[in-house]
Amino acid sequence: MNKVILHRESTLSHFLLRILAKIARIVWVCFAFFMLVWSLFAFFYQLPFNMAGFVFIAALWVVVGIYALILEFKSPWKSRILLALMFIGVIIWWSSIRPTLHRDWAPELARSVEATFDPINPDIVHLQNIRNFEWIAPYEGKENWENGTYNINDLIGLDVYLSYWMGPYIAHTLVGFTFKDGRHLVFSAEIRRTKEQSFSAIGGFFKEFELIMIAAPEEDIIKLRTDIRHENVYRYPINVRQEKIKELFVNYLETADKLAHKARFYNTVTANCTTVVFDMARVLDPGIPLDWRILFSGQLPSYLYDLKVVDTKKTLKELVDEAHIKPQIKGRRDQYSVDIRRSSVDTGRARNTNGN
């Protein structure tokens, strides 16, 4: 009886081991296939060859890769050693690709804002490379870089802007600070393109772009999107204490200054305009929950509403309607900030009148 039981247990163990081995093989083949495809994209975006050179490398890679995958079912260990050597080589090459501060950048991304705190009064900060272009086309404007001095004790307001350019789930996120003297300074973490590059969401996964922090007044960075690029832009005033606004402002300055002196790659998912904002917000409040709406930034309004950092006396729809910034093409450039806020107030009044 014991021998029968032992035999059954041995048979069951062998069966389970065979099942696990098959699962492991499937997982390995799937991983190997993924790495082969991923490597092709990496080659496309990073190899310093023309298209003919890329096609040659890609064809060679595909042929060897397919051969290795077929070999998995004839001589598994030879296949795995060959694939492992291929992947190790790609990873070593990929790790050698470093971000840089020195390229032939697009004019609007040529300079990153830098911050210097006053040695006598640490509440005073001197900013260099504040962008204040007068835009005449989506990627063409009269260049103007300015310096500015700000007192962090004069901060009185915080805004989050969402600029929609690709459907309701994807939006560019910007953060603006308001000062007692009426100045508005907006920060935007953006891809840093060269003059020849154009944005690619896929390229953003493959070290194609660096990350830059732009600081600009609303009449540059918001007006560009509302009046020139014709994007749908929304402004959400954030209800937090002044101390939190000051902390976030200083955090932005420190992040911007780091990016100005140490290059970092942009990543479509892990290091983009929204994740940078979220990372800094977590510094101020570690309890802020991670949420899918961080990735799909177009849905941030409902996330902010759930956090109760916007006006929850209104419905979410009312809040979004009032947040929409209308183009001010006929308005004066130096009155842009006043005009977009007046437009928001008028929208709210019209809604209340219609409601009555």
Protein backbone atom coordinates (compact mmCIF):
# COMPACT_ATOMS: atom_id res chain seq x y z
CA MET A 1 0.00 0.00 0.00
CA ASN A 2 2.80 2.42 0.93
CA LYS A 3 4.60 1.65 -2.34
CA VAL A 4 1.42 2.43 -4.28
CA ILE A 5 0.97 5.73 -2.42
CA LEU A 6 4.61 6.65 -2.97
CA HIS A 7 4.31 5.78 -6.64
CA ARG A 8 1.21 7.96 -7.00
CA GLU A 9 2.91 10.85 -5.19
CA SER A 10 5.98 10.48 -7.40
CA THR A 11 3.82 10.43 -10.52
CA LEU A 12 1.94 13.52 -9.34
CA SER A 13 5.21 15.32 -8.57
CA HIS A 14 6.58 14.54 -12.01
CA PHE A 15 3.35 15.73 -13.59
CA LEU A 16 3.43 19.01 -11.65
CA LEU A 17 7.09 19.54 -12.52
CA ARG A 18 6.32 19.02 -16.20
CA ILE A 19 3.48 21.54 -15.99
CA LEU A 20 5.72 24.08 -14.24
CA ALA A 21 8.47 23.50 -16.79
CA LYS A 22 6.02 24.16 -19.64
CA ILE A 23 4.75 27.32 -17.93
CA ALA A 24 8.33 28.49 -17.36
CA ARG A 25 9.14 27.86 -21.03
CA ILE A 26 6.07 29.83 -22.16
CA VAL A 27 7.02 32.72 -19.85
CA TRP A 28 10.61 32.68 -21.13
CA VAL A 29 9.56 32.60 -24.79
CA CYS A 30 7.11 35.47 -24.22
CA PHE A 31 9.80 37.47 -22.42
CA ALA A 32 12.34 36.75 -25.16
CA PHE A 33 9.87 37.79 -27.87
CA PHE A 34 9.10 41.01 -25.96
CA MET A 35 12.82 41.80 -25.60
CA LEU A 36 13.44 41.17 -29.30
CA VAL A 37 10.65 43.58 -30.27
CA TRP A 38 11.65 46.14 -27.60
CA SER A 39 15.22 46.06 -28.90
CA LEU A 40 14.03 46.89 -32.42
CA PHE A 41 12.36 50.06 -31.13
CA ALA A 42 15.48 50.91 -29.12
CA PHE A 43 17.60 50.49 -32.27
CA PHE A 44 15.21 52.65 -34.29
CA TYR A 45 15.30 55.57 -31.86
CA GLN A 46 18.91 55.39 -30.68
CA LEU A 47 21.24 53.87 -33.28
CA PRO A 48 23.26 56.62 -35.02
CA PHE A 49 22.57 55.22 -38.49
CA ASN A 50 20.40 56.26 -41.39
CA MET A 51 17.36 54.21 -42.38
CA ALA A 52 19.40 51.82 -44.53
CA GLY A 53 21.72 51.12 -41.60
CA PHE A 54 18.79 50.55 -39.26
CA VAL A 55 17.11 48.16 -41.72
CA PHE A 56 20.32 46.11 -41.98
CA ILE A 57 20.76 45.89 -38.18
CA ALA A 58 17.06 45.16 -37.65
CA ALA A 59 17.00 42.41 -40.28
CA LEU A 60 20.07 40.75 -38.78
CA TRP A 61 18.55 41.00 -35.29
CA VAL A 62 15.24 39.50 -36.43
CA VAL A 63 16.91 36.60 -38.26
CA VAL A 64 19.11 35.68 -35.31
CA GLY A 65 16.23 36.15 -32.88
CA ILE A 66 13.85 33.90 -34.82
CA TYR A 67 16.59 31.29 -35.14
CA ALA A 68 17.13 31.41 -31.36
CA LEU A 69 13.40 31.06 -30.65
CA ILE A 70 13.10 28.05 -32.98
CA LEU A 71 16.19 26.55 -31.36
CA GLU A 72 14.35 26.69 -28.01
CA PHE A 73 12.33 23.65 -29.06
CA LYS A 74 15.34 21.68 -30.33
CA SER A 75 18.23 22.64 -28.06
CA PRO A 76 16.83 24.78 -25.23
CA TRP A 77 20.08 25.64 -23.47
CA LYS A 78 21.82 26.74 -26.67
CA SER A 79 18.82 28.92 -27.45
CA ARG A 80 18.77 30.48 -23.98
CA ILE A 81 22.51 31.14 -23.95
CA LEU A 82 22.31 32.83 -27.36
CA LEU A 83 19.31 34.97 -26.37
CA ALA A 84 20.86 35.84 -23.00
CA LEU A 85 24.04 37.04 -24.71
CA MET A 86 21.98 39.14 -27.14
CA PHE A 87 19.95 40.74 -24.34
CA ILE A 88 22.98 41.37 -22.12
CA GLY A 89 24.66 43.14 -25.03
CA VAL A 90 21.58 45.31 -25.64
CA ILE A 91 21.24 46.18 -21.94
CA ILE A 92 24.91 47.19 -21.68
CA TRP A 93 24.55 49.37 -24.80
CA TRP A 94 21.26 50.83 -23.52
CA SER A 95 22.78 51.68 -20.13
CA SER A 96 25.56 53.60 -21.87
CA ILE A 97 23.09 56.10 -23.38
CA ARG A 98 23.12 59.16 -21.13
CA PRO A 99 21.01 62.34 -21.21
CA THR A 100 22.72 65.58 -22.14
CA LEU A 101 22.29 69.31 -21.67
CA HIS A 102 24.05 70.12 -24.92
CA ARG A 103 22.20 69.72 -28.20
CA ASP A 104 20.86 72.00 -30.91
CA TRP A 105 17.63 72.64 -29.02
CA ALA A 106 14.43 74.11 -30.40
CA PRO A 107 14.46 77.87 -29.57
CA GLU A 108 11.58 77.70 -27.08
CA LEU A 109 13.39 74.92 -25.19
CA ALA A 110 16.91 76.30 -25.42
CA ARG A 111 17.05 77.50 -21.82
CA SER A 112 15.92 75.92 -18.57
CA VAL A 113 14.86 78.14 -15.70
CA GLU A 114 17.44 78.51 -12.93
CA ALA A 115 16.90 79.68 -9.37
CA THR A 116 19.21 81.40 -6.88
CA PHE A 117 18.07 82.19 -3.37
CA ASP A 118 19.22 85.51 -1.98
CA PRO A 119 22.11 84.99 0.50
CA ILE A 120 20.82 87.76 2.77
CA ASN A 121 17.07 87.08 2.63
CA PRO A 122 16.29 83.41 1.81
CA ASP A 123 12.66 84.34 1.09
CA ILE A 124 13.84 86.18 -2.01
CA VAL A 125 14.63 84.12 -5.11
CA HIS A 126 16.22 85.31 -8.34
CA LEU A 127 15.14 83.43 -11.47
CA GLN A 128 17.01 83.32 -14.75
CA ASN A 129 15.67 82.21 -18.13
CA ILE A 130 11.99 82.95 -17.66
CA ARG A 131 10.50 82.47 -21.11
CA ASN A 132 8.27 85.27 -22.38
CA PHE A 133 7.87 84.70 -26.11
CA GLU A 134 5.36 86.51 -28.30
CA TRP A 135 4.00 83.64 -30.37
CA ILE A 136 3.05 84.00 -34.02
CA ALA A 137 2.78 80.28 -34.92
CA PRO A 138 2.56 77.01 -32.94
CA TYR A 139 6.34 76.64 -32.88
CA GLU A 140 7.51 80.10 -33.88
CA GLY A 141 7.68 83.19 -31.74
CA LYS A 142 9.62 86.36 -31.02
CA GLU A 143 12.26 85.13 -28.59
CA ASN A 144 12.53 86.82 -25.22
CA TRP A 145 14.17 85.41 -22.08
CA GLU A 146 13.86 87.38 -18.87
CA ASN A 147 15.09 87.38 -15.28
CA GLY A 148 12.81 87.96 -12.31
CA THR A 149 12.90 88.37 -8.56
CA TYR A 150 10.17 86.91 -6.36
CA ASN A 151 9.37 86.90 -2.65
CA ILE A 152 7.88 83.56 -1.61
CA ASN A 153 5.95 85.32 1.17
CA ASP A 154 3.98 87.15 -1.54
CA LEU A 155 2.46 83.93 -2.90
CA ILE A 156 -1.35 84.02 -2.73
CA GLY A 157 -2.61 81.46 -5.23
CA LEU A 158 -2.04 78.11 -6.91
CA ASP A 159 -3.53 76.88 -10.19
CA VAL A 160 -3.40 73.63 -12.14
CA TYR A 161 -3.85 73.94 -15.90
CA LEU A 162 -4.77 71.07 -18.18
CA SER A 163 -4.20 71.46 -21.90
CA TYR A 164 -5.97 68.84 -24.04
CA TRP A 165 -4.40 67.99 -27.35
CA MET A 166 -5.19 64.28 -27.87
CA GLY A 167 -8.64 63.29 -26.64
CA PRO A 168 -10.23 63.41 -23.19
CA TYR A 169 -7.73 61.15 -21.43
CA ILE A 170 -4.46 62.85 -22.33
CA ALA A 171 -3.61 66.41 -21.27
CA HIS A 172 -0.49 68.40 -20.59
CA THR A 173 -0.31 69.48 -16.95
CA LEU A 174 1.04 72.86 -15.86
CA VAL A 175 1.20 74.48 -12.41
CA GLY A 176 0.93 78.23 -11.86
CA PHE A 177 1.67 80.48 -8.89
CA THR A 178 0.07 83.87 -8.23
CA PHE A 179 1.79 86.72 -6.35
CA LYS A 180 0.36 89.75 -4.53
CA ASP A 181 1.56 92.11 -7.24
CA GLY A 182 -0.57 90.29 -9.84
CA ARG A 183 2.23 88.34 -11.50
CA HIS A 184 1.55 84.75 -12.54
CA LEU A 185 4.42 82.32 -13.02
CA VAL A 186 3.63 78.97 -14.65
CA PHE A 187 5.88 75.90 -14.53
CA SER A 188 5.74 73.21 -17.17
CA ALA A 189 7.79 70.01 -17.29
CA GLU A 190 8.23 69.38 -21.02
CA ILE A 191 10.08 67.23 -23.49
CA ARG A 192 13.23 68.95 -24.69
CA ARG A 193 13.30 68.63 -28.46
CA THR A 194 16.05 69.52 -30.87
CA LYS A 195 15.28 71.68 -33.89
CA GLU A 196 14.83 68.57 -36.05
CA GLN A 197 12.68 66.55 -33.65
CA SER A 198 8.93 66.34 -33.25
CA PHE A 199 7.09 64.79 -30.33
CA SER A 200 6.63 61.03 -30.32
CA ALA A 201 4.81 59.25 -27.49
CA ILE A 202 6.57 56.01 -28.45
CA GLY A 203 9.95 57.75 -28.66
CA GLY A 204 9.31 58.95 -25.11
CA PHE A 205 9.77 55.34 -23.96
CA PHE A 206 13.17 55.07 -25.67
CA LYS A 207 15.31 57.96 -24.39
CA GLU A 208 14.58 60.14 -27.41
CA PHE A 209 13.99 63.28 -25.37
CA GLU A 210 15.38 64.98 -22.30
CA LEU A 211 13.17 66.61 -19.67
CA ILE A 212 13.16 70.37 -19.11
CA MET A 213 11.36 72.71 -16.73
CA ILE A 214 10.02 75.87 -18.37
CA ALA A 215 8.88 78.84 -16.28
CA ALA A 216 6.82 81.47 -18.08
CA PRO A 217 4.01 84.01 -17.54
CA GLU A 218 0.51 83.03 -18.63
CA GLU A 219 0.67 85.32 -21.67
CA ASP A 220 3.42 83.08 -23.03
CA ILE A 221 2.79 79.50 -22.00
CA ILE A 222 -1.02 79.45 -21.65
CA LYS A 223 -1.84 81.88 -24.46
CA LEU A 224 0.34 79.78 -26.78
CA ARG A 225 -1.95 76.82 -26.19
CA THR A 226 -5.31 78.60 -26.17
CA ASP A 227 -4.85 81.17 -28.95
CA ILE A 228 -2.09 79.77 -31.20
CA ARG A 229 -2.25 75.98 -30.96
CA HIS A 230 -6.01 76.04 -30.34
CA GLU A 231 -5.90 73.45 -27.59
CA ASN A 232 -8.63 73.19 -24.97
CA VAL A 233 -7.12 74.56 -21.77
CA TYR A 234 -8.69 74.52 -18.31
CA ARG A 235 -7.58 76.35 -15.16
CA TYR A 236 -8.37 74.90 -11.72
CA PRO A 237 -7.66 77.06 -8.66
CA ILE A 238 -6.33 74.82 -5.88
CA ASN A 239 -7.46 75.36 -2.29
CA VAL A 240 -4.46 74.82 -0.01
CA ARG A 241 -2.82 76.85 2.74
CA GLN A 242 -0.24 79.47 1.82
CA GLU A 243 2.46 77.44 3.56
CA LYS A 244 1.78 74.53 1.23
CA ILE A 245 1.90 76.84 -1.79
CA LYS A 246 5.26 78.19 -0.62
CA GLU A 247 6.61 74.65 -0.11
CA LEU A 248 5.48 73.58 -3.57
CA PHE A 249 6.96 76.70 -5.16
CA VAL A 250 10.34 76.08 -3.51
CA ASN A 251 10.13 72.43 -4.56
CA TYR A 252 9.54 73.49 -8.16
CA LEU A 253 12.51 75.83 -8.02
CA GLU A 254 14.77 73.09 -6.68
CA THR A 255 13.57 70.59 -9.30
CA ALA A 256 13.98 73.14 -12.09
CA ASP A 257 17.48 74.05 -10.95
CA LYS A 258 18.49 70.37 -10.86
CA LEU A 259 17.21 69.82 -14.40
CA ALA A 260 19.08 72.92 -15.54
CA HIS A 261 22.39 71.47 -14.34
CA LYS A 262 21.90 67.70 -14.57
CA ALA A 263 20.16 66.21 -17.58
CA ARG A 264 17.36 63.68 -17.17
CA PHE A 265 15.45 61.69 -19.76
CA TYR A 266 11.76 62.27 -20.38
CA ASN A 267 9.63 59.12 -20.18
CA THR A 268 6.09 58.88 -21.52
CA VAL A 269 4.89 57.08 -18.38
CA THR A 270 7.38 57.47 -15.52
CA ALA A 271 8.81 60.98 -16.04
CA ASN A 272 6.33 63.25 -17.75
CA CYS A 273 4.51 66.49 -17.00
CA THR A 274 1.96 64.85 -14.68
CA THR A 275 4.21 62.42 -12.81
CA VAL A 276 6.64 65.24 -12.05
CA VAL A 277 3.78 67.23 -10.51
CA PHE A 278 2.60 64.21 -8.55
CA ASP A 279 6.10 63.39 -7.28
CA MET A 280 6.47 66.91 -5.91
CA ALA A 281 2.98 66.87 -4.39
CA ARG A 282 3.88 63.64 -2.58
CA VAL A 283 6.79 65.47 -0.96
CA LEU A 284 4.28 67.88 0.57
CA ASP A 285 1.71 65.26 1.48
CA PRO A 286 2.91 61.63 1.42
CA GLY A 287 -0.66 60.54 1.99
CA ILE A 288 -1.83 61.60 -1.48
CA PRO A 289 -3.05 58.34 -3.05
CA LEU A 290 -1.70 56.94 -6.28
CA ASP A 291 -4.47 56.80 -8.86
CA TRP A 292 -4.97 55.74 -12.49
CA ARG A 293 -5.91 59.35 -13.27
CA ILE A 294 -2.29 60.34 -12.68
CA LEU A 295 -1.35 58.35 -15.78
CA PHE A 296 -4.42 59.46 -17.77
CA SER A 297 -3.94 63.11 -16.91
CA GLY A 298 -7.01 64.27 -18.79
CA GLN A 299 -9.07 62.83 -15.93
CA LEU A 300 -7.25 64.82 -13.23
CA PRO A 301 -10.25 67.12 -12.54
CA SER A 302 -12.21 64.27 -10.95
CA TYR A 303 -9.09 63.26 -8.99
CA LEU A 304 -8.66 66.81 -7.67
CA TYR A 305 -12.38 66.89 -6.88
CA ASP A 306 -12.12 63.66 -4.89
CA LEU A 307 -9.16 65.10 -2.97
CA LYS A 308 -11.34 68.16 -2.18
CA VAL A 309 -8.61 70.62 -3.22
CA VAL A 310 -10.93 72.36 -5.69
CA ASP A 311 -14.32 74.01 -5.15
CA THR A 312 -16.58 71.10 -4.26
CA LYS A 313 -19.58 73.38 -3.64
CA LYS A 314 -20.06 73.12 -7.40
CA THR A 315 -20.72 69.91 -9.26
CA LEU A 316 -17.78 68.48 -11.14
CA LYS A 317 -19.41 69.43 -14.45
CA GLU A 318 -19.92 73.02 -13.30
CA LEU A 319 -16.33 73.17 -12.13
CA VAL A 320 -15.02 71.94 -15.49
CA ASP A 321 -17.29 74.32 -17.46
CA GLU A 322 -16.05 77.33 -15.50
CA ALA A 323 -12.43 76.20 -15.75
CA HIS A 324 -12.37 76.35 -19.54
CA ILE A 325 -10.19 79.20 -20.82
CA LYS A 326 -11.64 80.96 -23.83
CA PRO A 327 -9.23 82.26 -26.50
CA GLN A 328 -8.45 85.96 -26.08
CA ILE A 329 -7.21 86.63 -29.61
CA LYS A 330 -8.53 90.21 -29.68
CA GLY A 331 -7.43 91.01 -26.14
CA ARG A 332 -4.26 92.80 -25.11
CA ARG A 333 -1.36 90.48 -24.36
CA ASP A 334 -0.52 92.24 -21.09
CA GLN A 335 -4.14 91.80 -19.96
CA TYR A 336 -4.33 88.10 -20.77
CA SER A 337 -4.32 86.89 -17.14
CA VAL A 338 -7.08 89.37 -16.20
CA ASP A 339 -9.17 88.50 -19.25
CA ILE A 340 -9.14 84.72 -18.75
CA ARG A 341 -10.22 85.11 -15.13
CA ARG A 342 -12.96 87.55 -16.08
CA SER A 343 -14.14 85.08 -18.70
CA SER A 344 -14.32 82.35 -16.05
CA VAL A 345 -16.37 84.59 -13.75
CA ASP A 346 -18.73 85.49 -16.61
CA THR A 347 -19.25 81.79 -17.35
CA GLY A 348 -20.18 81.17 -13.72
CA ARG A 349 -22.63 84.11 -13.70
CA ALA A 350 -24.26 82.94 -16.91
CA ARG A 351 -24.65 79.44 -15.47
CA ASN A 352 -26.25 80.81 -12.31
CA THR A 353 -28.60 83.04 -14.33
CA ASN A 354 -29.67 80.14 -16.53
CA GLY A 355 -30.12 78.01 -13.45
CA ASN A 356 -32.46 80.54 -11.91
